[in-house]
Amino acid sequence: MSNTSELKTTFEAKKAQLEAELKRLKADAQGKGSDAIKSVEKRLSELNAEFSSKTNTSELKTRIEAKRAQLEAELKRLKSDAQGKGNEAIKAIEARLAEVNASVKEGWHNVSEEVAGKLNSWLKKS
Protein backbone atom coordinates (compact mmCIF):
# COMPACT_ATOMS: atom_id res chain seq x y z
CA MET A 1 0.00 0.00 0.00
CA SER A 2 2.83 2.42 0.82
CA ASN A 3 4.24 1.70 -2.64
CA THR A 4 1.07 3.14 -4.17
CA SER A 5 1.10 6.18 -1.89
CA GLU A 6 4.79 6.82 -2.66
CA LEU A 7 4.00 6.54 -6.35
CA LYS A 8 1.09 8.94 -5.96
CA THR A 9 3.27 11.46 -4.09
CA THR A 10 5.95 11.30 -6.79
CA PHE A 11 3.43 11.75 -9.59
CA GLU A 12 1.66 14.61 -7.80
CA ALA A 13 4.99 16.42 -7.36
CA LYS A 14 5.85 16.00 -11.05
CA LYS A 15 2.35 17.09 -12.04
CA ALA A 16 2.52 20.22 -9.86
CA GLN A 17 5.89 21.10 -11.37
CA LEU A 18 4.56 20.71 -14.92
CA GLU A 19 1.39 22.68 -14.13
CA ALA A 20 3.47 25.55 -12.68
CA GLU A 21 5.68 25.52 -15.78
CA LEU A 22 2.60 25.55 -18.00
CA LYS A 23 1.09 28.48 -16.12
CA ARG A 24 4.36 30.43 -16.43
CA LEU A 25 4.63 29.70 -20.16
CA LYS A 26 1.03 30.74 -20.79
CA ALA A 27 1.59 34.00 -18.94
CA ASP A 28 4.76 34.68 -20.96
CA ALA A 29 3.05 33.82 -24.25
CA GLN A 30 0.25 36.34 -23.55
CA GLY A 31 -2.31 34.25 -25.38
CA LYS A 32 -0.08 33.33 -28.31
CA GLY A 33 0.33 29.68 -29.35
CA SER A 34 3.62 28.23 -28.21
CA ASP A 35 5.44 24.97 -28.90
CA ALA A 36 6.69 25.01 -25.31
CA ILE A 37 3.10 25.16 -24.02
CA LYS A 38 2.07 22.28 -26.28
CA SER A 39 5.08 20.29 -25.12
CA VAL A 40 4.24 20.76 -21.43
CA GLU A 41 0.57 19.94 -22.04
CA LYS A 42 1.65 16.74 -23.80
CA ARG A 43 3.97 15.82 -20.92
CA LEU A 44 1.12 16.40 -18.44
CA SER A 45 -1.15 14.14 -20.46
CA GLU A 46 1.52 11.42 -20.65
CA LEU A 47 2.17 11.73 -16.91
CA ASN A 48 -1.53 11.29 -16.11
CA ALA A 49 -1.74 8.23 -18.37
CA GLU A 50 1.38 6.69 -16.81
CA PHE A 51 0.08 7.30 -13.29
CA SER A 52 -3.26 5.72 -14.13
CA SER A 53 -1.55 2.68 -15.64
CA LYS A 54 0.82 2.20 -12.70
CA THR A 55 -1.84 2.58 -10.01
CA ASN A 56 -4.17 0.19 -11.83
CA THR A 57 -1.34 -2.36 -12.02
CA SER A 58 -0.56 -1.85 -8.34
CA GLU A 59 -4.19 -2.43 -7.37
CA LEU A 60 -4.38 -5.53 -9.59
CA LYS A 61 -1.17 -6.87 -8.05
CA THR A 62 -2.63 -6.45 -4.55
CA ARG A 63 -5.82 -8.33 -5.51
CA ILE A 64 -3.86 -11.11 -7.24
CA GLU A 65 -1.49 -11.55 -4.30
CA ALA A 66 -4.42 -11.73 -1.85
CA LYS A 67 -6.20 -14.36 -3.95
CA ARG A 68 -2.95 -16.30 -4.43
CA ALA A 69 -2.38 -16.36 -0.64
CA GLN A 70 -5.96 -17.56 -0.11
CA LEU A 71 -5.48 -20.39 -2.63
CA GLU A 72 -2.14 -21.38 -1.14
CA ALA A 73 -3.72 -21.57 2.33
CA GLU A 74 -6.55 -23.70 0.94
CA LEU A 75 -4.01 -25.92 -0.80
CA LYS A 76 -2.10 -26.49 2.46
CA ARG A 77 -5.34 -27.33 4.25
CA LEU A 78 -6.39 -29.79 1.56
CA LYS A 79 -2.99 -31.45 1.50
CA SER A 80 -3.02 -31.94 5.27
CA ASP A 81 -6.58 -33.33 5.11
CA ALA A 82 -5.72 -35.64 2.23
CA GLN A 83 -2.82 -37.15 4.18
CA GLY A 84 -0.68 -37.42 1.06
CA LYS A 85 -3.42 -38.90 -1.16
CA GLY A 86 -4.07 -37.52 -4.66
CA ASN A 87 -7.01 -35.15 -4.61
CA GLU A 88 -8.83 -33.39 -7.45
CA ALA A 89 -9.26 -30.21 -5.38
CA ILE A 90 -5.50 -30.08 -4.79
CA LYS A 91 -4.81 -30.50 -8.50
CA ALA A 92 -7.34 -27.79 -9.37
CA ILE A 93 -5.77 -25.28 -7.00
CA GLU A 94 -2.26 -26.13 -8.18
CA ALA A 95 -3.42 -25.55 -11.77
CA ARG A 96 -4.96 -22.17 -10.82
CA LEU A 97 -1.74 -21.11 -9.10
CA ALA A 98 0.35 -22.23 -12.08
CA GLU A 99 -1.93 -20.21 -14.36
CA VAL A 100 -1.46 -16.96 -12.42
CA ASN A 101 2.27 -17.56 -11.96
CA ALA A 102 2.66 -17.97 -15.72
CA SER A 103 0.82 -14.69 -16.31
CA VAL A 104 3.14 -12.69 -14.06
CA LYS A 105 6.37 -14.55 -14.78
CA GLU A 106 7.82 -11.41 -16.40
CA GLY A 107 7.10 -9.40 -13.23
CA TRP A 108 4.74 -6.60 -12.34
CA HIS A 109 6.84 -3.73 -13.67
CA ASN A 110 5.38 -3.83 -17.17
CA VAL A 111 2.00 -5.57 -17.24
CA SER A 112 0.36 -5.28 -20.66
CA GLU A 113 -3.37 -4.76 -21.14
CA GLU A 114 -3.62 -8.34 -22.42
CA VAL A 115 -2.00 -9.75 -19.27
CA ALA A 116 -4.11 -7.49 -17.06
CA GLY A 117 -7.20 -8.84 -18.82
CA LYS A 118 -6.07 -12.42 -18.20
CA LEU A 119 -5.42 -11.66 -14.54
CA ASN A 120 -8.81 -10.03 -14.09
CA SER A 121 -10.44 -13.07 -15.71
CA TRP A 122 -8.45 -15.31 -13.37
CA LEU A 123 -9.79 -13.37 -10.39
CA LYS A 124 -13.37 -13.65 -11.65
CA LYS A 125 -13.10 -17.43 -11.91
CA SER A 126 -12.72 -17.62 -8.14
C-alpha atoms as a PDB file:
ATOM      1  CA  MET A   1       0.000   0.000   0.000  1.00  0.00           C
ATOM      2  CA  SER A   2       2.829   2.418   0.822  1.00  0.00           C
ATOM      3  CA  ASN A   3       4.235   1.698  -2.640  1.00  0.00           C
ATOM      4  CA  THR A   4       1.066   3.140  -4.168  1.00  0.00           C
ATOM      5  CA  SER A   5       1.104   6.184  -1.886  1.00  0.00           C
ATOM      6  CA  GLU A   6       4.794   6.823  -2.661  1.00  0.00           C
ATOM      7  CA  LEU A   7       4.001   6.537  -6.353  1.00  0.00           C
ATOM      8  CA  LYS A   8       1.094   8.940  -5.961  1.00  0.00           C
ATOM      9  CA  THR A   9       3.274  11.460  -4.088  1.00  0.00           C
ATOM     10  CA  THR A  10       5.949  11.300  -6.790  1.00  0.00           C
ATOM     11  CA  PHE A  11       3.433  11.752  -9.590  1.00  0.00           C
ATOM     12  CA  GLU A  12       1.662  14.605  -7.803  1.00  0.00           C
ATOM     13  CA  ALA A  13       4.987  16.424  -7.362  1.00  0.00           C
ATOM     14  CA  LYS A  14       5.848  16.003 -11.050  1.00  0.00           C
ATOM     15  CA  LYS A  15       2.347  17.086 -12.040  1.00  0.00           C
ATOM     16  CA  ALA A  16       2.521  20.219  -9.855  1.00  0.00           C
ATOM     17  CA  GLN A  17       5.888  21.097 -11.370  1.00  0.00           C
ATOM     18  CA  LEU A  18       4.562  20.711 -14.921  1.00  0.00           C
ATOM     19  CA  GLU A  19       1.394  22.681 -14.127  1.00  0.00           C
ATOM     20  CA  ALA A  20       3.474  25.546 -12.679  1.00  0.00           C
ATOM     21  CA  GLU A  21       5.681  25.525 -15.780  1.00  0.00           C
ATOM     22  CA  LEU A  22       2.595  25.546 -18.003  1.00  0.00           C
ATOM     23  CA  LYS A  23       1.086  28.477 -16.119  1.00  0.00           C
ATOM     24  CA  ARG A  24       4.356  30.427 -16.433  1.00  0.00           C
ATOM     25  CA  LEU A  25       4.632  29.701 -20.156  1.00  0.00           C
ATOM     26  CA  LYS A  26       1.034  30.742 -20.789  1.00  0.00           C
ATOM     27  CA  ALA A  27       1.594  34.004 -18.941  1.00  0.00           C
ATOM     28  CA  ASP A  28       4.765  34.677 -20.956  1.00  0.00           C
ATOM     29  CA  ALA A  29       3.048  33.823 -24.248  1.00  0.00           C
ATOM     30  CA  GLN A  30       0.251  36.335 -23.549  1.00  0.00           C
ATOM     31  CA  GLY A  31      -2.314  34.252 -25.383  1.00  0.00           C
ATOM     32  CA  LYS A  32      -0.076  33.327 -28.307  1.00  0.00           C
ATOM     33  CA  GLY A  33       0.329  29.681 -29.352  1.00  0.00           C
ATOM     34  CA  SER A  34       3.624  28.230 -28.214  1.00  0.00           C
ATOM     35  CA  ASP A  35       5.444  24.973 -28.899  1.00  0.00           C
ATOM     36  CA  ALA A  36       6.692  25.009 -25.308  1.00  0.00           C
ATOM     37  CA  ILE A  37       3.097  25.162 -24.024  1.00  0.00           C
ATOM     38  CA  LYS A  38       2.071  22.281 -26.280  1.00  0.00           C
ATOM     39  CA  SER A  39       5.080  20.286 -25.124  1.00  0.00           C
ATOM     40  CA  VAL A  40       4.238  20.762 -21.432  1.00  0.00           C
ATOM     41  CA  GLU A  41       0.573  19.942 -22.044  1.00  0.00           C
ATOM     42  CA  LYS A  42       1.648  16.741 -23.804  1.00  0.00           C
ATOM     43  CA  ARG A  43       3.974  15.825 -20.918  1.00  0.00           C
ATOM     44  CA  LEU A  44       1.125  16.404 -18.443  1.00  0.00           C
ATOM     45  CA  SER A  45      -1.152  14.143 -20.465  1.00  0.00           C
ATOM     46  CA  GLU A  46       1.516  11.416 -20.647  1.00  0.00           C
ATOM     47  CA  LEU A  47       2.174  11.729 -16.909  1.00  0.00           C
ATOM     48  CA  ASN A  48      -1.526  11.289 -16.110  1.00  0.00           C
ATOM     49  CA  ALA A  49      -1.737   8.226 -18.368  1.00  0.00           C
ATOM     50  CA  GLU A  50       1.376   6.693 -16.812  1.00  0.00           C
ATOM     51  CA  PHE A  51       0.081   7.295 -13.290  1.00  0.00           C
ATOM     52  CA  SER A  52      -3.256   5.715 -14.132  1.00  0.00           C
ATOM     53  CA  SER A  53      -1.555   2.679 -15.636  1.00  0.00           C
ATOM     54  CA  LYS A  54       0.817   2.196 -12.705  1.00  0.00           C
ATOM     55  CA  THR A  55      -1.842   2.582 -10.010  1.00  0.00           C
ATOM     56  CA  ASN A  56      -4.169   0.187 -11.826  1.00  0.00           C
ATOM     57  CA  THR A  57      -1.340  -2.362 -12.020  1.00  0.00           C
ATOM     58  CA  SER A  58      -0.558  -1.853  -8.338  1.00  0.00           C
ATOM     59  CA  GLU A  59      -4.195  -2.434  -7.370  1.00  0.00           C
ATOM     60  CA  LEU A  60      -4.382  -5.529  -9.589  1.00  0.00           C
ATOM     61  CA  LYS A  61      -1.173  -6.869  -8.053  1.00  0.00           C
ATOM     62  CA  THR A  62      -2.629  -6.452  -4.552  1.00  0.00           C
ATOM     63  CA  ARG A  63      -5.817  -8.326  -5.511  1.00  0.00           C
ATOM     64  CA  ILE A  64      -3.864 -11.107  -7.241  1.00  0.00           C
ATOM     65  CA  GLU A  65      -1.494 -11.552  -4.297  1.00  0.00           C
ATOM     66  CA  ALA A  66      -4.416 -11.732  -1.852  1.00  0.00           C
ATOM     67  CA  LYS A  67      -6.195 -14.365  -3.949  1.00  0.00           C
ATOM     68  CA  ARG A  68      -2.949 -16.302  -4.427  1.00  0.00           C
ATOM     69  CA  ALA A  69      -2.384 -16.363  -0.639  1.00  0.00           C
ATOM     70  CA  GLN A  70      -5.959 -17.564  -0.114  1.00  0.00           C
ATOM     71  CA  LEU A  71      -5.481 -20.386  -2.631  1.00  0.00           C
ATOM     72  CA  GLU A  72      -2.139 -21.381  -1.141  1.00  0.00           C
ATOM     73  CA  ALA A  73      -3.720 -21.571   2.330  1.00  0.00           C
ATOM     74  CA  GLU A  74      -6.552 -23.701   0.943  1.00  0.00           C
ATOM     75  CA  LEU A  75      -4.005 -25.920  -0.803  1.00  0.00           C
ATOM     76  CA  LYS A  76      -2.099 -26.487   2.462  1.00  0.00           C
ATOM     77  CA  ARG A  77      -5.337 -27.328   4.252  1.00  0.00           C
ATOM     78  CA  LEU A  78      -6.389 -29.791   1.560  1.00  0.00           C
ATOM     79  CA  LYS A  79      -2.987 -31.453   1.503  1.00  0.00           C
ATOM     80  CA  SER A  80      -3.024 -31.939   5.269  1.00  0.00           C
ATOM     81  CA  ASP A  81      -6.585 -33.326   5.112  1.00  0.00           C
ATOM     82  CA  ALA A  82      -5.723 -35.637   2.232  1.00  0.00           C
ATOM     83  CA  GLN A  83      -2.816 -37.149   4.183  1.00  0.00           C
ATOM     84  CA  GLY A  84      -0.684 -37.421   1.059  1.00  0.00           C
ATOM     85  CA  LYS A  85      -3.416 -38.897  -1.163  1.00  0.00           C
ATOM     86  CA  GLY A  86      -4.073 -37.524  -4.658  1.00  0.00           C
ATOM     87  CA  ASN A  87      -7.005 -35.146  -4.610  1.00  0.00           C
ATOM     88  CA  GLU A  88      -8.830 -33.387  -7.450  1.00  0.00           C
ATOM     89  CA  ALA A  89      -9.257 -30.209  -5.384  1.00  0.00           C
ATOM     90  CA  ILE A  90      -5.501 -30.079  -4.789  1.00  0.00           C
ATOM     91  CA  LYS A  91      -4.806 -30.505  -8.500  1.00  0.00           C
ATOM     92  CA  ALA A  92      -7.340 -27.788  -9.370  1.00  0.00           C
ATOM     93  CA  ILE A  93      -5.771 -25.278  -6.996  1.00  0.00           C
ATOM     94  CA  GLU A  94      -2.264 -26.127  -8.185  1.00  0.00           C
ATOM     95  CA  ALA A  95      -3.423 -25.553 -11.771  1.00  0.00           C
ATOM     96  CA  ARG A  96      -4.956 -22.173 -10.819  1.00  0.00           C
ATOM     97  CA  LEU A  97      -1.741 -21.108  -9.103  1.00  0.00           C
ATOM     98  CA  ALA A  98       0.350 -22.230 -12.078  1.00  0.00           C
ATOM     99  CA  GLU A  99      -1.933 -20.206 -14.364  1.00  0.00           C
ATOM    100  CA  VAL A 100      -1.461 -16.962 -12.424  1.00  0.00           C
ATOM    101  CA  ASN A 101       2.271 -17.559 -11.958  1.00  0.00           C
ATOM    102  CA  ALA A 102       2.659 -17.971 -15.722  1.00  0.00           C
ATOM    103  CA  SER A 103       0.819 -14.691 -16.308  1.00  0.00           C
ATOM    104  CA  VAL A 104       3.139 -12.686 -14.063  1.00  0.00           C
ATOM    105  CA  LYS A 105       6.374 -14.549 -14.778  1.00  0.00           C
ATOM    106  CA  GLU A 106       7.819 -11.412 -16.400  1.00  0.00           C
ATOM    107  CA  GLY A 107       7.105  -9.404 -13.231  1.00  0.00           C
ATOM    108  CA  TRP A 108       4.735  -6.604 -12.340  1.00  0.00           C
ATOM    109  CA  HIS A 109       6.838  -3.728 -13.667  1.00  0.00           C
ATOM    110  CA  ASN A 110       5.380  -3.832 -17.168  1.00  0.00           C
ATOM    111  CA  VAL A 111       1.999  -5.567 -17.243  1.00  0.00           C
ATOM    112  CA  SER A 112       0.357  -5.282 -20.664  1.00  0.00           C
ATOM    113  CA  GLU A 113      -3.373  -4.756 -21.138  1.00  0.00           C
ATOM    114  CA  GLU A 114      -3.617  -8.340 -22.416  1.00  0.00           C
ATOM    115  CA  VAL A 115      -1.996  -9.751 -19.274  1.00  0.00           C
ATOM    116  CA  ALA A 116      -4.106  -7.490 -17.057  1.00  0.00           C
ATOM    117  CA  GLY A 117      -7.203  -8.840 -18.824  1.00  0.00           C
ATOM    118  CA  LYS A 118      -6.071 -12.424 -18.202  1.00  0.00           C
ATOM    119  CA  LEU A 119      -5.421 -11.657 -14.545  1.00  0.00           C
ATOM    120  CA  ASN A 120      -8.812 -10.032 -14.090  1.00  0.00           C
ATOM    121  CA  SER A 121     -10.436 -13.074 -15.715  1.00  0.00           C
ATOM    122  CA  TRP A 122      -8.449 -15.312 -13.371  1.00  0.00           C
ATOM    123  CA  LEU A 123      -9.787 -13.368 -10.395  1.00  0.00           C
ATOM    124  CA  LYS A 124     -13.372 -13.649 -11.652  1.00  0.00           C
ATOM    125  CA  LYS A 125     -13.095 -17.434 -11.907  1.00  0.00           C
ATOM    126  CA  SER A 126     -12.722 -17.620  -8.137  1.00  0.00           C
END
